[in-house]
C-alpha atoms as a PDB file:
ATOM      1  CA  MET A   1      -3.743  -0.595  -7.111  1.00  0.00           C
ATOM      2  CA  PRO A   2      -6.632   0.835  -5.106  1.00  0.00           C
ATOM      3  CA  SER A   3      -7.538   4.273  -6.335  1.00  0.00           C
ATOM      4  CA  PRO A   4      -8.949   6.989  -4.082  1.00  0.00           C
ATOM      5  CA  ILE A   5     -12.402   5.462  -4.672  1.00  0.00           C
ATOM      6  CA  ALA A   6     -11.565   2.269  -2.735  1.00  0.00           C
ATOM      7  CA  HIS A   7      -9.643   4.065  -0.041  1.00  0.00           C
ATOM      8  CA  VAL A   8     -12.493   6.558   0.737  1.00  0.00           C
ATOM      9  CA  ALA A   9     -15.163   3.819   0.426  1.00  0.00           C
ATOM     10  CA  VAL A  10     -13.557   1.674   3.058  1.00  0.00           C
ATOM     11  CA  ALA A  11     -13.030   4.606   5.430  1.00  0.00           C
ATOM     12  CA  VAL A  12     -16.583   5.869   5.031  1.00  0.00           C
ATOM     13  CA  ALA A  13     -18.055   2.406   5.360  1.00  0.00           C
ATOM     14  CA  ALA A  14     -16.041   1.894   8.598  1.00  0.00           C
ATOM     15  CA  ALA A  15     -17.380   5.186   9.987  1.00  0.00           C
ATOM     16  CA  LEU A  16     -20.960   4.468   8.888  1.00  0.00           C
ATOM     17  CA  ALA A  17     -20.804   1.092  10.686  1.00  0.00           C
ATOM     18  CA  ALA A  18     -20.566   2.891  14.022  1.00  0.00           C
ATOM     19  CA  PRO A  19     -23.794   3.030  16.050  1.00  0.00           C
ATOM     20  CA  ASP A  20     -26.118   6.027  15.754  1.00  0.00           C
ATOM     21  CA  GLY A  21     -25.101   8.860  18.035  1.00  0.00           C
ATOM     22  CA  SER A  22     -21.456   7.755  17.987  1.00  0.00           C
ATOM     23  CA  PRO A  23     -18.929  10.636  17.616  1.00  0.00           C
ATOM     24  CA  LEU A  24     -17.480   8.533  14.764  1.00  0.00           C
ATOM     25  CA  ARG A  25     -20.609   9.174  12.678  1.00  0.00           C
ATOM     26  CA  ALA A  26     -20.382  12.953  12.867  1.00  0.00           C
ATOM     27  CA  ARG A  27     -19.826  14.511   9.458  1.00  0.00           C
ATOM     28  CA  SER A  28     -16.529  16.004  10.586  1.00  0.00           C
ATOM     29  CA  ALA A  29     -15.203  12.637  11.715  1.00  0.00           C
ATOM     30  CA  VAL A  30     -16.382  10.871   8.555  1.00  0.00           C
ATOM     31  CA  LEU A  31     -14.808  13.583   6.401  1.00  0.00           C
ATOM     32  CA  ALA A  32     -11.544  13.448   8.405  1.00  0.00           C
ATOM     33  CA  ALA A  33     -11.494   9.627   8.108  1.00  0.00           C
ATOM     34  CA  ALA A  34     -11.942   9.954   4.303  1.00  0.00           C
ATOM     35  CA  VAL A  35      -9.115  12.521   4.011  1.00  0.00           C
ATOM     36  CA  ALA A  36      -6.883  10.459   6.316  1.00  0.00           C
ATOM     37  CA  SER A  37      -7.378   7.455   4.119  1.00  0.00           C
ATOM     38  CA  LEU A  38      -5.796   9.361   1.182  1.00  0.00           C
ATOM     39  CA  LEU A  39      -2.857  11.065   3.041  1.00  0.00           C
ATOM     40  CA  PRO A  40      -0.256   8.372   2.348  1.00  0.00           C
ATOM     41  CA  ASP A  41      -0.588   9.090  -1.390  1.00  0.00           C
ATOM     42  CA  LEU A  42       0.963  12.518  -0.796  1.00  0.00           C
ATOM     43  CA  ASP A  43       4.100  10.826  -1.907  1.00  0.00           C
ATOM     44  CA  LEU A  44       2.659  10.892  -5.429  1.00  0.00           C
ATOM     45  CA  LEU A  45       3.569  14.606  -5.422  1.00  0.00           C
ATOM     46  CA  ALA A  46       7.210  13.558  -5.108  1.00  0.00           C
ATOM     47  CA  ALA A  47       6.683  10.852  -7.750  1.00  0.00           C
ATOM     48  CA  ALA A  48       5.349  13.417 -10.147  1.00  0.00           C
ATOM     49  CA  THR A  49       8.030  16.102  -9.547  1.00  0.00           C
ATOM     50  CA  LEU A  50      11.297  14.536  -8.326  1.00  0.00           C
ATOM     51  CA  PRO A  51      13.870  12.544 -10.219  1.00  0.00           C
ATOM     52  CA  GLY A  52      13.180   8.849  -9.848  1.00  0.00           C
ATOM     53  CA  GLY A  53       9.446   9.402 -10.269  1.00  0.00           C
ATOM     54  CA  ILE A  54       7.433   6.399  -9.219  1.00  0.00           C
ATOM     55  CA  GLU A  55      10.210   5.092  -6.996  1.00  0.00           C
ATOM     56  CA  TRP A  56       9.083   7.648  -4.418  1.00  0.00           C
ATOM     57  CA  HIS A  57       5.570   6.050  -4.315  1.00  0.00           C
ATOM     58  CA  HIS A  58       5.018   3.449  -1.624  1.00  0.00           C
ATOM     59  CA  GLY A  59       7.782   4.736   0.572  1.00  0.00           C
ATOM     60  CA  PRO A  60       7.623   5.596   4.256  1.00  0.00           C
ATOM     61  CA  THR A  61       4.162   7.187   3.963  1.00  0.00           C
ATOM     62  CA  HIS A  62       2.821   3.757   3.093  1.00  0.00           C
ATOM     63  CA  SER A  63       4.108   2.166   6.309  1.00  0.00           C
ATOM     64  CA  LEU A  64       1.735   1.703   9.267  1.00  0.00           C
ATOM     65  CA  LEU A  65       3.852   4.199  11.221  1.00  0.00           C
ATOM     66  CA  GLY A  66       3.982   6.746   8.413  1.00  0.00           C
ATOM     67  CA  ALA A  67       0.301   6.489   7.520  1.00  0.00           C
ATOM     68  CA  GLY A  68      -0.736   6.543  11.229  1.00  0.00           C
ATOM     69  CA  PHE A  69       1.432   9.585  11.943  1.00  0.00           C
ATOM     70  CA  LEU A  70       0.062  11.516   8.933  1.00  0.00           C
ATOM     71  CA  ALA A  71      -3.523  10.702   9.900  1.00  0.00           C
ATOM     72  CA  PHE A  72      -2.933  11.562  13.591  1.00  0.00           C
ATOM     73  CA  ALA A  73      -1.243  14.863  12.708  1.00  0.00           C
ATOM     74  CA  PHE A  74      -4.070  15.720  10.320  1.00  0.00           C
ATOM     75  CA  GLY A  75      -6.663  14.844  12.959  1.00  0.00           C
ATOM     76  CA  LEU A  76      -4.944  17.072  15.543  1.00  0.00           C
ATOM     77  CA  ALA A  77      -4.677  19.909  12.930  1.00  0.00           C
ATOM     78  CA  VAL A  78      -8.444  19.880  12.268  1.00  0.00           C
ATOM     79  CA  GLY A  79      -9.239  19.822  16.006  1.00  0.00           C
ATOM     80  CA  LEU A  80     -10.218  16.166  16.505  1.00  0.00           C
ATOM     81  CA  ARG A  81      -9.820  14.708  19.990  1.00  0.00           C
ATOM     82  CA  GLY A  82     -10.600  11.344  21.625  1.00  0.00           C
ATOM     83  CA  ALA A  83     -12.411   8.592  19.716  1.00  0.00           C
ATOM     84  CA  PRO A  84     -12.704  10.601  16.385  1.00  0.00           C
ATOM     85  CA  LEU A  85      -8.922  11.299  16.476  1.00  0.00           C
ATOM     86  CA  LEU A  86      -8.103   7.609  17.088  1.00  0.00           C
ATOM     87  CA  TRP A  87     -10.558   6.582  14.382  1.00  0.00           C
ATOM     88  CA  THR A  88      -9.003   8.927  11.853  1.00  0.00           C
ATOM     89  CA  MET A  89      -5.629   7.371  12.637  1.00  0.00           C
ATOM     90  CA  PHE A  90      -7.123   3.904  12.158  1.00  0.00           C
ATOM     91  CA  CYS A  91      -8.453   4.962   8.744  1.00  0.00           C
ATOM     92  CA  GLY A  92      -4.931   6.112   7.967  1.00  0.00           C
ATOM     93  CA  PHE A  93      -3.710   2.609   8.794  1.00  0.00           C
ATOM     94  CA  LEU A  94      -6.226   1.168   6.268  1.00  0.00           C
ATOM     95  CA  HIS A  95      -4.433   2.836   3.320  1.00  0.00           C
ATOM     96  CA  PRO A  96      -1.187   0.776   3.431  1.00  0.00           C
ATOM     97  CA  ILE A  97      -3.232  -2.356   4.163  1.00  0.00           C
ATOM     98  CA  LEU A  98      -5.348  -1.788   1.041  1.00  0.00           C
ATOM     99  CA  ASP A  99      -2.228  -0.981  -0.954  1.00  0.00           C
ATOM    100  CA  TRP A 100      -0.648  -4.127   0.277  1.00  0.00           C
ATOM    101  CA  GLU A 101      -3.178  -5.669  -2.086  1.00  0.00           C
ATOM    102  CA  LEU A 102      -1.520  -3.725  -4.981  1.00  0.00           C
ATOM    103  CA  GLY A 103       1.160  -6.086  -6.094  1.00  0.00           C
ATOM    104  CA  VAL A 104       0.920  -9.043  -8.355  1.00  0.00           C
ATOM    105  CA  PRO A 105       3.998 -11.088  -7.801  1.00  0.00           C
ATOM    106  CA  GLY A 106       5.828 -11.209 -11.127  1.00  0.00           C
ATOM    107  CA  GLY A 107       3.274  -8.768 -12.552  1.00  0.00           C
ATOM    108  CA  PRO A 108       3.602  -5.131 -13.741  1.00  0.00           C
ATOM    109  CA  SER A 109       3.521  -3.689 -10.239  1.00  0.00           C
ATOM    110  CA  THR A 110       5.793  -5.454  -7.867  1.00  0.00           C
ATOM    111  CA  PHE A 111       7.099  -2.715  -5.654  1.00  0.00           C
ATOM    112  CA  GLY A 112       4.889  -3.619  -2.611  1.00  0.00           C
ATOM    113  CA  VAL A 113       4.362  -1.682   0.622  1.00  0.00           C
ATOM    114  CA  PRO A 114       6.900  -1.190   3.464  1.00  0.00           C
ATOM    115  CA  LEU A 115       4.313  -2.006   6.214  1.00  0.00           C
ATOM    116  CA  PHE A 116       6.795  -2.117   9.099  1.00  0.00           C
ATOM    117  CA  TRP A 117       9.158   0.631   8.052  1.00  0.00           C
ATOM    118  CA  PRO A 118      11.494   1.751   9.768  1.00  0.00           C
ATOM    119  CA  MET A 119      11.972  -1.503  11.672  1.00  0.00           C
ATOM    120  CA  ILE A 120      11.843  -3.680   8.573  1.00  0.00           C
ATOM    121  CA  ALA A 121      12.600  -2.198   5.156  1.00  0.00           C
ATOM    122  CA  THR A 122      11.070  -5.078   3.264  1.00  0.00           C
ATOM    123  CA  LYS A 123       8.167  -4.227   0.958  1.00  0.00           C
ATOM    124  CA  PHE A 124       5.250  -6.629   1.218  1.00  0.00           C
ATOM    125  CA  ILE A 125       2.960  -7.862  -1.590  1.00  0.00           C
ATOM    126  CA  ALA A 126      -0.302  -9.716  -1.005  1.00  0.00           C
ATOM    127  CA  PRO A 127      -0.178 -13.281  -2.378  1.00  0.00           C
ATOM    128  CA  TYR A 128      -3.753 -12.966  -3.778  1.00  0.00           C
ATOM    129  CA  PRO A 129      -4.400  -9.389  -4.743  1.00  0.00           C
ATOM    130  CA  LEU A 130      -7.913  -7.980  -4.466  1.00  0.00           C
ATOM    131  CA  PHE A 131      -7.352  -5.041  -6.859  1.00  0.00           C
ATOM    132  CA  ARG A 132      -6.097  -5.161 -10.412  1.00  0.00           C
ATOM    133  CA  PRO A 133      -3.162  -2.781 -10.722  1.00  0.00           C
ATOM    134  CA  PHE A 134      -3.121   0.168 -13.179  1.00  0.00           C
ATOM    135  CA  ASN A 135      -0.514   0.152 -15.915  1.00  0.00           C
ATOM    136  CA  ILE A 136       2.313   1.587 -13.911  1.00  0.00           C
ATOM    137  CA  HIS A 137       5.594   2.820 -15.388  1.00  0.00           C
ATOM    138  CA  GLU A 138       7.689   5.776 -14.551  1.00  0.00           C
ATOM    139  CA  ALA A 139       7.166   7.624 -17.866  1.00  0.00           C
ATOM    140  CA  GLY A 140       3.569   8.415 -17.242  1.00  0.00           C
ATOM    141  CA  PHE A 141       2.225   7.066 -13.958  1.00  0.00           C
ATOM    142  CA  ILE A 142      -0.154   9.997 -13.243  1.00  0.00           C
ATOM    143  CA  THR A 143      -1.294  10.333 -16.878  1.00  0.00           C
ATOM    144  CA  ASN A 144      -1.964   6.537 -17.092  1.00  0.00           C
ATOM    145  CA  MET A 145      -4.421   6.791 -14.220  1.00  0.00           C
ATOM    146  CA  PHE A 146      -6.705   8.958 -16.446  1.00  0.00           C
ATOM    147  CA  THR A 147      -6.839   6.910 -19.629  1.00  0.00           C
ATOM    148  CA  PRO A 148      -9.374   4.540 -21.135  1.00  0.00           C
ATOM    149  CA  ALA A 149      -7.196   1.556 -20.081  1.00  0.00           C
ATOM    150  CA  ALA A 150      -7.700   2.602 -16.432  1.00  0.00           C
ATOM    151  CA  LEU A 151     -11.512   2.467 -16.809  1.00  0.00           C
ATOM    152  CA  GLY A 152     -11.661  -1.264 -16.004  1.00  0.00           C
ATOM    153  CA  PRO A 153      -9.889  -0.991 -12.667  1.00  0.00           C
ATOM    154  CA  TYR A 154     -11.976   2.053 -11.783  1.00  0.00           C
ATOM    155  CA  LEU A 155     -15.275   0.305 -12.620  1.00  0.00           C
ATOM    156  CA  ARG A 156     -14.150  -2.678 -10.485  1.00  0.00           C
ATOM    157  CA  GLU A 157     -13.457  -0.372  -7.543  1.00  0.00           C
ATOM    158  CA  LEU A 158     -16.788   1.372  -7.979  1.00  0.00           C
ATOM    159  CA  VAL A 159     -18.426  -2.071  -7.679  1.00  0.00           C
ATOM    160  CA  PHE A 160     -16.163  -2.847  -4.719  1.00  0.00           C
ATOM    161  CA  ALA A 161     -17.225   0.470  -3.074  1.00  0.00           C
ATOM    162  CA  ALA A 162     -20.904  -0.176  -3.804  1.00  0.00           C
ATOM    163  CA  VAL A 163     -20.678  -3.674  -2.333  1.00  0.00           C
ATOM    164  CA  VAL A 164     -18.853  -2.503   0.845  1.00  0.00           C
ATOM    165  CA  LEU A 165     -21.168   0.497   1.427  1.00  0.00           C
ATOM    166  CA  GLY A 166     -24.257  -1.621   0.567  1.00  0.00           C
ATOM    167  CA  TYR A 167     -23.202  -4.316   3.047  1.00  0.00           C
ATOM    168  CA  VAL A 168     -22.725  -1.813   5.835  1.00  0.00           C
ATOM    169  CA  ARG A 169     -26.050  -0.182   5.045  1.00  0.00           C
ATOM    170  CA  PHE A 170     -27.897  -3.531   4.926  1.00  0.00           C
ATOM    171  CA  THR A 171     -26.357  -4.977   8.054  1.00  0.00           C
ATOM    172  CA  ARG A 172     -26.333  -1.860  10.174  1.00  0.00           C
ATOM    173  CA  GLY A 173     -28.364  -2.475  13.282  1.00  0.00           C
ATOM    174  CA  ARG A 174     -28.663  -6.233  12.634  1.00  0.00           C
ATOM    175  CA  PHE A 175     -25.659  -7.193  14.635  1.00  0.00           C
ATOM    176  CA  ARG A 176     -24.872  -6.055  18.169  1.00  0.00           C
ATOM    177  CA  VAL A 177     -21.397  -5.986  19.500  1.00  0.00           C
ATOM    178  CA  LEU A 178     -22.547  -5.264  23.023  1.00  0.00           C
ATOM    179  CA  PRO A 179     -25.622  -6.927  24.587  1.00  0.00           C
ATOM    180  CA  ARG A 180     -28.741  -4.784  25.206  1.00  0.00           C
ATOM    181  CA  ARG A 181     -29.405  -3.749  28.794  1.00  0.00           C
ATOM    182  CA  ALA A 182     -31.763  -6.147  30.533  1.00  0.00           C
ATOM    183  CA  GLN A 183     -35.349  -4.991  30.373  1.00  0.00           C
ATOM    184  CA  ARG A 184     -36.785  -4.022  33.780  1.00  0.00           C
END
């Protein structure tokens, strides 16, 4: 599953792709987007403390509605308005989409993501996952994330983060979404 490394890398890359002078590139907006990209994993606190453990993870906070609400509420709480607030909410939406890549059908991690909760309770799994899942089982989910066995997935995510951020850095300014004003 994507660790915080991948979630933050995608949110920061998305903010850095904005044009210079954009309110989305302000440090506060980039930081808020990075935090918003992690908010759906607050359900890990329930997974670590409540009976049922890992069954709490990938619940309503991993739906588009839940992640968007958490990010929007966080943005309002830290005083964001306008485009930075909506951008923070967009980065919250990115979390369940990246986690949709978690599951390997028939593999060790098949609990999926309830993208359209509460309208549809089905948990979705990507047919071709981008991220290799960590060894997930209820008896030590959090502890397993900090073991030598997790080093491989973390290294892959660091490479993923470097590629995404490098691509944004390399292509920034090379493509224009809006045409330049005509020279007079």
